[in-house]
Amino acid sequence: MERPEGDVARFCETVFVPPIAAEIARLGYPKRVEIPWIVETFYLYGLDDLSDRQGGYRFNGHTGVPSTSWDPDRFVIADWAADPVTVGSDGSVCYSVHGAGSWTYTRIAADLPAFLQLLATWIRYFVADHGLHYNEASGRFAFLSN
């Protein structure tokens, strides 16, 4: 777990609603998590990565020009296959599909704690209970045989 400091702490306060930002400052935040997903790996960004990971979504990653189609109240906190998971100024966590022409935000959790609980349930079920793992030789995810 990492605790935000300096510029990261200020950015954290911008991304997360005040009660959640205060809890992150108090308890810490996962430092870059990669979770086996059915097709692609799910990446939950560490606090140090949040600012840089907005490129390509909130703004053009090459020019820095803000994206006119992106909701400025949403910040990318994770992705899988470049499809972003965002947290909004209202605290909600949404999923979007990139390359669809415009951004739509599908709510997947009421807030960050509910989203992290959702991820914990995924990990417990697929990884801990059923042995989903990445097979380096085949380059695919597979279940361990019992």
N, C-alpha and C. Protein backbone atom coordinates (compact mmCIF):
# COMPACT_ATOMS: atom_id res chain seq x y z
N MET A 1 0.85 -1.18 0.00
CA MET A 1 0.00 0.00 0.00
C MET A 1 0.89 1.23 0.00
N GLU A 2 0.46 2.23 -0.74
CA GLU A 2 1.21 3.48 -0.77
C GLU A 2 0.32 4.61 -0.25
N ARG A 3 0.95 5.59 0.36
CA ARG A 3 0.23 6.76 0.83
C ARG A 3 0.66 7.94 -0.03
N PRO A 4 -0.32 8.74 -0.47
CA PRO A 4 0.01 9.85 -1.36
C PRO A 4 0.78 10.96 -0.64
N GLU A 5 1.76 11.52 -1.37
CA GLU A 5 2.54 12.64 -0.84
C GLU A 5 2.72 13.67 -1.94
N GLY A 6 2.92 14.93 -1.58
CA GLY A 6 3.24 15.99 -2.52
C GLY A 6 2.24 16.14 -3.64
N ASP A 7 2.76 16.21 -4.89
CA ASP A 7 1.90 16.39 -6.06
C ASP A 7 0.91 15.24 -6.22
N VAL A 8 1.33 14.03 -5.87
CA VAL A 8 0.44 12.88 -5.97
C VAL A 8 -0.74 13.04 -5.01
N ALA A 9 -0.49 13.55 -3.81
CA ALA A 9 -1.56 13.77 -2.84
C ALA A 9 -2.55 14.80 -3.37
N ARG A 10 -2.06 15.87 -3.96
CA ARG A 10 -2.95 16.90 -4.51
C ARG A 10 -3.77 16.33 -5.68
N PHE A 11 -3.14 15.54 -6.53
CA PHE A 11 -3.86 14.94 -7.65
C PHE A 11 -4.90 13.95 -7.12
N CYS A 12 -4.54 13.19 -6.11
CA CYS A 12 -5.46 12.24 -5.49
C CYS A 12 -6.71 12.96 -4.98
N GLU A 13 -6.53 14.13 -4.39
CA GLU A 13 -7.66 14.91 -3.90
C GLU A 13 -8.54 15.40 -5.05
N THR A 14 -7.96 15.58 -6.23
CA THR A 14 -8.72 15.98 -7.41
C THR A 14 -9.51 14.80 -7.97
N VAL A 15 -8.90 13.63 -8.00
CA VAL A 15 -9.51 12.45 -8.60
C VAL A 15 -10.62 11.86 -7.74
N PHE A 16 -10.38 11.72 -6.45
CA PHE A 16 -11.31 11.04 -5.56
C PHE A 16 -12.10 12.05 -4.73
N VAL A 17 -13.37 11.76 -4.47
CA VAL A 17 -14.18 12.64 -3.64
C VAL A 17 -13.53 12.75 -2.27
N PRO A 18 -13.72 13.90 -1.57
CA PRO A 18 -13.01 14.16 -0.31
C PRO A 18 -13.01 13.03 0.72
N PRO A 19 -14.15 12.39 1.01
CA PRO A 19 -14.08 11.32 2.02
C PRO A 19 -13.18 10.16 1.60
N ILE A 20 -13.21 9.82 0.30
CA ILE A 20 -12.38 8.72 -0.19
C ILE A 20 -10.91 9.13 -0.20
N ALA A 21 -10.61 10.36 -0.63
CA ALA A 21 -9.23 10.86 -0.62
C ALA A 21 -8.66 10.84 0.80
N ALA A 22 -9.48 11.20 1.77
CA ALA A 22 -9.03 11.19 3.17
C ALA A 22 -8.73 9.76 3.63
N GLU A 23 -9.57 8.80 3.22
CA GLU A 23 -9.33 7.41 3.59
C GLU A 23 -8.07 6.86 2.90
N ILE A 24 -7.84 7.26 1.66
CA ILE A 24 -6.63 6.83 0.96
C ILE A 24 -5.40 7.39 1.68
N ALA A 25 -5.47 8.66 2.08
CA ALA A 25 -4.36 9.27 2.80
C ALA A 25 -4.12 8.54 4.12
N ARG A 26 -5.20 8.10 4.77
CA ARG A 26 -5.08 7.43 6.07
C ARG A 26 -4.64 5.97 5.94
N LEU A 27 -5.26 5.23 5.01
CA LEU A 27 -5.03 3.79 4.91
C LEU A 27 -4.05 3.38 3.82
N GLY A 28 -3.90 4.22 2.79
CA GLY A 28 -3.06 3.85 1.66
C GLY A 28 -3.90 3.39 0.49
N TYR A 29 -3.23 3.06 -0.60
CA TYR A 29 -3.87 2.69 -1.86
C TYR A 29 -3.03 1.61 -2.50
N PRO A 30 -3.65 0.65 -3.20
CA PRO A 30 -2.85 -0.40 -3.84
C PRO A 30 -1.83 0.21 -4.81
N LYS A 31 -0.64 -0.34 -4.81
CA LYS A 31 0.41 0.15 -5.70
C LYS A 31 0.46 -0.74 -6.92
N ARG A 32 -0.09 -0.27 -8.02
CA ARG A 32 -0.12 -1.01 -9.30
C ARG A 32 -0.51 -2.47 -9.11
N VAL A 33 -1.71 -2.79 -9.47
CA VAL A 33 -2.20 -4.15 -9.34
C VAL A 33 -2.53 -4.69 -10.72
N GLU A 34 -2.07 -5.89 -11.02
CA GLU A 34 -2.42 -6.58 -12.25
C GLU A 34 -3.22 -7.81 -11.87
N ILE A 35 -4.44 -7.89 -12.39
CA ILE A 35 -5.35 -8.96 -12.02
C ILE A 35 -5.65 -9.81 -13.26
N PRO A 36 -5.46 -11.12 -13.16
CA PRO A 36 -5.83 -11.97 -14.31
C PRO A 36 -7.30 -11.79 -14.65
N TRP A 37 -7.58 -11.51 -15.89
CA TRP A 37 -8.94 -11.33 -16.38
C TRP A 37 -9.18 -12.43 -17.38
N ILE A 38 -10.37 -12.64 -17.82
CA ILE A 38 -10.64 -13.74 -18.73
C ILE A 38 -9.88 -13.57 -20.05
N VAL A 39 -9.85 -12.38 -20.63
CA VAL A 39 -9.21 -12.19 -21.92
C VAL A 39 -7.92 -11.38 -21.79
N GLU A 40 -7.94 -10.31 -21.09
CA GLU A 40 -6.80 -9.41 -20.94
C GLU A 40 -6.51 -9.21 -19.45
N THR A 41 -5.36 -8.66 -19.15
CA THR A 41 -5.02 -8.33 -17.77
C THR A 41 -5.69 -7.02 -17.40
N PHE A 42 -6.20 -6.95 -16.19
CA PHE A 42 -6.81 -5.74 -15.65
C PHE A 42 -5.73 -4.98 -14.89
N TYR A 43 -5.58 -3.69 -15.19
CA TYR A 43 -4.56 -2.86 -14.54
C TYR A 43 -5.22 -1.80 -13.67
N LEU A 44 -5.01 -1.89 -12.37
CA LEU A 44 -5.44 -0.85 -11.44
C LEU A 44 -4.21 0.00 -11.19
N TYR A 45 -4.25 1.26 -11.61
CA TYR A 45 -3.07 2.12 -11.55
C TYR A 45 -2.71 2.51 -10.12
N GLY A 46 -1.41 2.61 -9.87
CA GLY A 46 -0.93 3.16 -8.62
C GLY A 46 -1.09 4.67 -8.64
N LEU A 47 -1.06 5.28 -7.48
CA LEU A 47 -1.24 6.73 -7.39
C LEU A 47 -0.20 7.49 -8.22
N ASP A 48 1.03 7.00 -8.24
CA ASP A 48 2.08 7.67 -9.01
C ASP A 48 1.80 7.63 -10.51
N ASP A 49 0.97 6.70 -10.97
CA ASP A 49 0.67 6.55 -12.39
C ASP A 49 -0.59 7.30 -12.83
N LEU A 50 -1.43 7.70 -11.89
CA LEU A 50 -2.75 8.25 -12.24
C LEU A 50 -2.65 9.44 -13.20
N SER A 51 -1.79 10.38 -12.93
CA SER A 51 -1.70 11.57 -13.76
C SER A 51 -1.31 11.22 -15.19
N ASP A 52 -0.26 10.41 -15.36
CA ASP A 52 0.20 10.03 -16.70
C ASP A 52 -0.82 9.19 -17.45
N ARG A 53 -1.61 8.39 -16.74
CA ARG A 53 -2.55 7.48 -17.38
C ARG A 53 -3.81 8.17 -17.91
N GLN A 54 -3.92 9.49 -17.70
CA GLN A 54 -5.07 10.22 -18.24
C GLN A 54 -4.91 10.47 -19.74
N GLY A 55 -3.64 10.39 -20.22
CA GLY A 55 -3.35 10.60 -21.63
C GLY A 55 -4.05 9.59 -22.52
N GLY A 56 -4.64 10.07 -23.59
CA GLY A 56 -5.41 9.21 -24.49
C GLY A 56 -6.87 9.15 -24.12
N TYR A 57 -7.20 9.67 -22.97
CA TYR A 57 -8.59 9.70 -22.51
C TYR A 57 -9.00 11.15 -22.25
N ARG A 58 -8.53 11.70 -21.14
CA ARG A 58 -8.86 13.09 -20.78
C ARG A 58 -8.20 14.09 -21.72
N PHE A 59 -7.03 13.73 -22.25
CA PHE A 59 -6.30 14.61 -23.17
C PHE A 59 -5.51 13.78 -24.16
N ASN A 60 -5.13 14.40 -25.26
CA ASN A 60 -4.32 13.74 -26.28
C ASN A 60 -2.95 13.44 -25.69
N GLY A 61 -2.55 12.18 -25.72
CA GLY A 61 -1.29 11.76 -25.11
C GLY A 61 -0.06 12.35 -25.78
N HIS A 62 -0.17 12.80 -27.03
CA HIS A 62 0.98 13.36 -27.75
C HIS A 62 1.04 14.88 -27.65
N THR A 63 -0.13 15.53 -27.73
CA THR A 63 -0.15 16.99 -27.75
C THR A 63 -0.51 17.62 -26.42
N GLY A 64 -1.18 16.86 -25.55
CA GLY A 64 -1.62 17.40 -24.27
C GLY A 64 -2.91 18.19 -24.37
N VAL A 65 -3.50 18.27 -25.56
CA VAL A 65 -4.75 19.00 -25.76
C VAL A 65 -5.90 18.22 -25.11
N PRO A 66 -6.72 18.89 -24.29
CA PRO A 66 -7.86 18.19 -23.66
C PRO A 66 -8.80 17.58 -24.70
N SER A 67 -9.34 16.43 -24.39
CA SER A 67 -10.29 15.75 -25.25
C SER A 67 -11.65 16.42 -25.10
N THR A 68 -12.24 16.78 -26.23
CA THR A 68 -13.55 17.44 -26.17
C THR A 68 -14.68 16.44 -25.91
N SER A 69 -14.43 15.15 -26.15
CA SER A 69 -15.48 14.16 -25.95
C SER A 69 -15.44 13.52 -24.56
N TRP A 70 -14.43 13.82 -23.78
CA TRP A 70 -14.27 13.21 -22.46
C TRP A 70 -14.97 14.05 -21.40
N ASP A 71 -15.65 13.40 -20.46
CA ASP A 71 -16.28 14.09 -19.34
C ASP A 71 -15.18 14.57 -18.40
N PRO A 72 -15.00 15.88 -18.22
CA PRO A 72 -13.91 16.39 -17.39
C PRO A 72 -14.04 16.03 -15.91
N ASP A 73 -15.20 15.53 -15.50
CA ASP A 73 -15.40 15.12 -14.11
C ASP A 73 -15.01 13.67 -13.87
N ARG A 74 -14.45 12.99 -14.89
CA ARG A 74 -14.07 11.58 -14.75
C ARG A 74 -12.57 11.44 -14.91
N PHE A 75 -11.98 10.59 -14.05
CA PHE A 75 -10.54 10.29 -14.07
C PHE A 75 -10.35 8.79 -14.23
N VAL A 76 -9.42 8.40 -15.10
CA VAL A 76 -9.11 6.99 -15.34
C VAL A 76 -8.31 6.46 -14.15
N ILE A 77 -8.77 5.35 -13.56
CA ILE A 77 -8.06 4.73 -12.45
C ILE A 77 -7.57 3.33 -12.79
N ALA A 78 -8.07 2.79 -13.92
CA ALA A 78 -7.73 1.41 -14.31
C ALA A 78 -8.12 1.20 -15.76
N ASP A 79 -7.65 0.07 -16.33
CA ASP A 79 -8.11 -0.31 -17.66
C ASP A 79 -7.87 -1.79 -17.88
N TRP A 80 -8.57 -2.33 -18.85
CA TRP A 80 -8.20 -3.61 -19.43
C TRP A 80 -8.43 -3.46 -20.93
N ALA A 81 -7.42 -3.86 -21.68
CA ALA A 81 -7.42 -3.72 -23.14
C ALA A 81 -7.68 -2.28 -23.55
N ALA A 82 -7.18 -1.33 -22.77
CA ALA A 82 -7.32 0.11 -23.00
C ALA A 82 -8.74 0.62 -22.80
N ASP A 83 -9.66 -0.22 -22.37
CA ASP A 83 -11.00 0.24 -22.02
C ASP A 83 -10.92 0.77 -20.59
N PRO A 84 -11.19 2.08 -20.41
CA PRO A 84 -10.95 2.69 -19.10
C PRO A 84 -12.03 2.43 -18.06
N VAL A 85 -11.56 2.35 -16.82
CA VAL A 85 -12.43 2.37 -15.65
C VAL A 85 -12.16 3.72 -15.01
N THR A 86 -13.23 4.47 -14.74
CA THR A 86 -13.08 5.83 -14.25
C THR A 86 -13.81 6.04 -12.94
N VAL A 87 -13.35 7.06 -12.22
CA VAL A 87 -14.07 7.51 -11.04
C VAL A 87 -14.49 8.95 -11.33
N GLY A 88 -15.73 9.27 -10.97
CA GLY A 88 -16.25 10.60 -11.24
C GLY A 88 -16.23 11.49 -10.02
N SER A 89 -16.50 12.76 -10.23
CA SER A 89 -16.52 13.70 -9.12
C SER A 89 -17.63 13.36 -8.12
N ASP A 90 -18.62 12.57 -8.55
CA ASP A 90 -19.67 12.10 -7.64
C ASP A 90 -19.26 10.83 -6.90
N GLY A 91 -18.06 10.30 -7.22
CA GLY A 91 -17.56 9.09 -6.56
C GLY A 91 -17.86 7.81 -7.30
N SER A 92 -18.77 7.85 -8.29
CA SER A 92 -19.15 6.63 -8.99
C SER A 92 -18.00 6.10 -9.83
N VAL A 93 -17.99 4.78 -10.02
CA VAL A 93 -16.98 4.11 -10.84
C VAL A 93 -17.68 3.58 -12.08
N CYS A 94 -17.14 3.92 -13.27
CA CYS A 94 -17.76 3.54 -14.53
C CYS A 94 -16.75 2.86 -15.45
N TYR A 95 -17.29 2.12 -16.40
CA TYR A 95 -16.51 1.44 -17.43
C TYR A 95 -16.89 2.05 -18.78
N SER A 96 -15.90 2.21 -19.66
CA SER A 96 -16.14 2.74 -21.00
C SER A 96 -15.41 1.88 -22.02
N VAL A 97 -15.88 1.92 -23.24
CA VAL A 97 -15.24 1.20 -24.34
C VAL A 97 -14.55 2.23 -25.23
N HIS A 98 -13.25 2.03 -25.46
CA HIS A 98 -12.53 2.95 -26.34
C HIS A 98 -12.78 2.59 -27.80
N GLY A 99 -12.62 3.58 -28.66
CA GLY A 99 -12.77 3.35 -30.10
C GLY A 99 -14.21 3.30 -30.59
N ALA A 100 -15.15 3.71 -29.75
CA ALA A 100 -16.56 3.66 -30.13
C ALA A 100 -17.05 4.96 -30.77
N GLY A 101 -16.16 5.94 -30.90
CA GLY A 101 -16.53 7.22 -31.51
C GLY A 101 -16.85 8.30 -30.51
N SER A 102 -17.48 7.93 -29.41
CA SER A 102 -17.73 8.87 -28.32
C SER A 102 -17.71 8.07 -27.02
N TRP A 103 -17.48 8.79 -25.94
CA TRP A 103 -17.38 8.12 -24.65
C TRP A 103 -18.74 8.02 -23.99
N THR A 104 -19.07 6.81 -23.55
CA THR A 104 -20.23 6.60 -22.68
C THR A 104 -19.69 5.93 -21.43
N TYR A 105 -20.34 6.18 -20.31
CA TYR A 105 -19.85 5.71 -19.02
C TYR A 105 -20.91 4.82 -18.38
N THR A 106 -20.60 3.55 -18.28
CA THR A 106 -21.52 2.58 -17.68
C THR A 106 -21.14 2.38 -16.23
N ARG A 107 -22.04 2.70 -15.34
CA ARG A 107 -21.76 2.60 -13.90
C ARG A 107 -21.61 1.14 -13.49
N ILE A 108 -20.48 0.84 -12.83
CA ILE A 108 -20.25 -0.52 -12.35
C ILE A 108 -20.16 -0.60 -10.84
N ALA A 109 -20.01 0.55 -10.18
CA ALA A 109 -19.99 0.58 -8.71
C ALA A 109 -20.36 1.98 -8.24
N ALA A 110 -21.00 2.04 -7.09
CA ALA A 110 -21.43 3.32 -6.54
C ALA A 110 -20.26 4.20 -6.14
N ASP A 111 -19.16 3.55 -5.69
CA ASP A 111 -18.00 4.30 -5.24
C ASP A 111 -16.76 3.41 -5.24
N LEU A 112 -15.61 3.99 -4.91
CA LEU A 112 -14.36 3.23 -4.95
C LEU A 112 -14.36 2.04 -3.99
N PRO A 113 -14.82 2.18 -2.73
CA PRO A 113 -14.85 0.99 -1.87
C PRO A 113 -15.69 -0.15 -2.44
N ALA A 114 -16.83 0.17 -3.03
CA ALA A 114 -17.67 -0.87 -3.64
C ALA A 114 -16.95 -1.51 -4.83
N PHE A 115 -16.23 -0.71 -5.62
CA PHE A 115 -15.48 -1.23 -6.76
C PHE A 115 -14.36 -2.15 -6.29
N LEU A 116 -13.62 -1.74 -5.26
CA LEU A 116 -12.54 -2.58 -4.75
C LEU A 116 -13.08 -3.88 -4.16
N GLN A 117 -14.28 -3.82 -3.57
CA GLN A 117 -14.93 -5.04 -3.08
C GLN A 117 -15.29 -5.95 -4.25
N LEU A 118 -15.75 -5.36 -5.34
CA LEU A 118 -16.06 -6.12 -6.55
C LEU A 118 -14.81 -6.83 -7.06
N LEU A 119 -13.68 -6.12 -7.11
CA LEU A 119 -12.43 -6.73 -7.54
C LEU A 119 -11.99 -7.84 -6.59
N ALA A 120 -12.15 -7.61 -5.29
CA ALA A 120 -11.79 -8.63 -4.31
C ALA A 120 -12.62 -9.90 -4.51
N THR A 121 -13.90 -9.73 -4.82
CA THR A 121 -14.77 -10.88 -5.08
C THR A 121 -14.31 -11.63 -6.32
N TRP A 122 -13.96 -10.87 -7.39
CA TRP A 122 -13.43 -11.48 -8.62
C TRP A 122 -12.19 -12.30 -8.31
N ILE A 123 -11.25 -11.69 -7.61
CA ILE A 123 -9.99 -12.38 -7.29
C ILE A 123 -10.25 -13.63 -6.46
N ARG A 124 -11.08 -13.49 -5.44
CA ARG A 124 -11.38 -14.63 -4.57
C ARG A 124 -11.99 -15.78 -5.38
N TYR A 125 -12.97 -15.46 -6.24
CA TYR A 125 -13.65 -16.51 -6.98
C TYR A 125 -12.77 -17.14 -8.06
N PHE A 126 -12.21 -16.31 -8.94
CA PHE A 126 -11.49 -16.85 -10.08
C PHE A 126 -10.05 -17.25 -9.78
N VAL A 127 -9.39 -16.50 -8.93
CA VAL A 127 -7.98 -16.79 -8.66
C VAL A 127 -7.82 -17.72 -7.46
N ALA A 128 -8.35 -17.33 -6.32
CA ALA A 128 -8.16 -18.13 -5.10
C ALA A 128 -8.96 -19.43 -5.13
N ASP A 129 -10.26 -19.33 -5.45
CA ASP A 129 -11.11 -20.52 -5.40
C ASP A 129 -10.97 -21.45 -6.60
N HIS A 130 -10.69 -20.89 -7.79
CA HIS A 130 -10.68 -21.70 -9.00
C HIS A 130 -9.36 -21.73 -9.75
N GLY A 131 -8.35 -21.08 -9.22
CA GLY A 131 -7.00 -21.23 -9.75
C GLY A 131 -6.71 -20.61 -11.10
N LEU A 132 -7.40 -19.53 -11.47
CA LEU A 132 -7.09 -18.86 -12.73
C LEU A 132 -5.66 -18.31 -12.64
N HIS A 133 -4.84 -18.62 -13.63
CA HIS A 133 -3.46 -18.12 -13.65
C HIS A 133 -3.03 -17.91 -15.10
N TYR A 134 -1.96 -17.17 -15.27
CA TYR A 134 -1.43 -16.92 -16.61
C TYR A 134 -0.41 -17.99 -16.93
N ASN A 135 -0.59 -18.67 -18.06
CA ASN A 135 0.33 -19.69 -18.50
C ASN A 135 1.32 -19.05 -19.47
N GLU A 136 2.56 -18.85 -19.01
CA GLU A 136 3.59 -18.19 -19.82
C GLU A 136 3.84 -18.93 -21.13
N ALA A 137 3.82 -20.24 -21.11
CA ALA A 137 4.12 -21.03 -22.30
C ALA A 137 3.08 -20.82 -23.41
N SER A 138 1.82 -20.80 -23.04
CA SER A 138 0.76 -20.66 -24.04
C SER A 138 0.37 -19.20 -24.27
N GLY A 139 0.72 -18.34 -23.32
CA GLY A 139 0.32 -16.95 -23.42
C GLY A 139 -1.16 -16.73 -23.16
N ARG A 140 -1.76 -17.67 -22.43
CA ARG A 140 -3.20 -17.59 -22.14
C ARG A 140 -3.47 -17.81 -20.66
N PHE A 141 -4.65 -17.35 -20.25
CA PHE A 141 -5.09 -17.63 -18.90
C PHE A 141 -5.71 -19.01 -18.88
N ALA A 142 -5.50 -19.72 -17.80
CA ALA A 142 -6.06 -21.07 -17.68
C ALA A 142 -6.32 -21.34 -16.19
N PHE A 143 -7.16 -22.33 -15.94
CA PHE A 143 -7.42 -22.74 -14.58
C PHE A 143 -6.48 -23.88 -14.22
N LEU A 144 -5.98 -23.84 -13.01
CA LEU A 144 -5.15 -24.93 -12.53
C LEU A 144 -6.03 -26.15 -12.35
N SER A 145 -5.55 -27.31 -12.70
CA SER A 145 -6.36 -28.51 -12.50
C SER A 145 -6.21 -28.98 -11.05
N ASN A 146 -7.29 -29.48 -10.53
CA ASN A 146 -7.29 -29.94 -9.12
C ASN A 146 -6.69 -31.32 -9.01
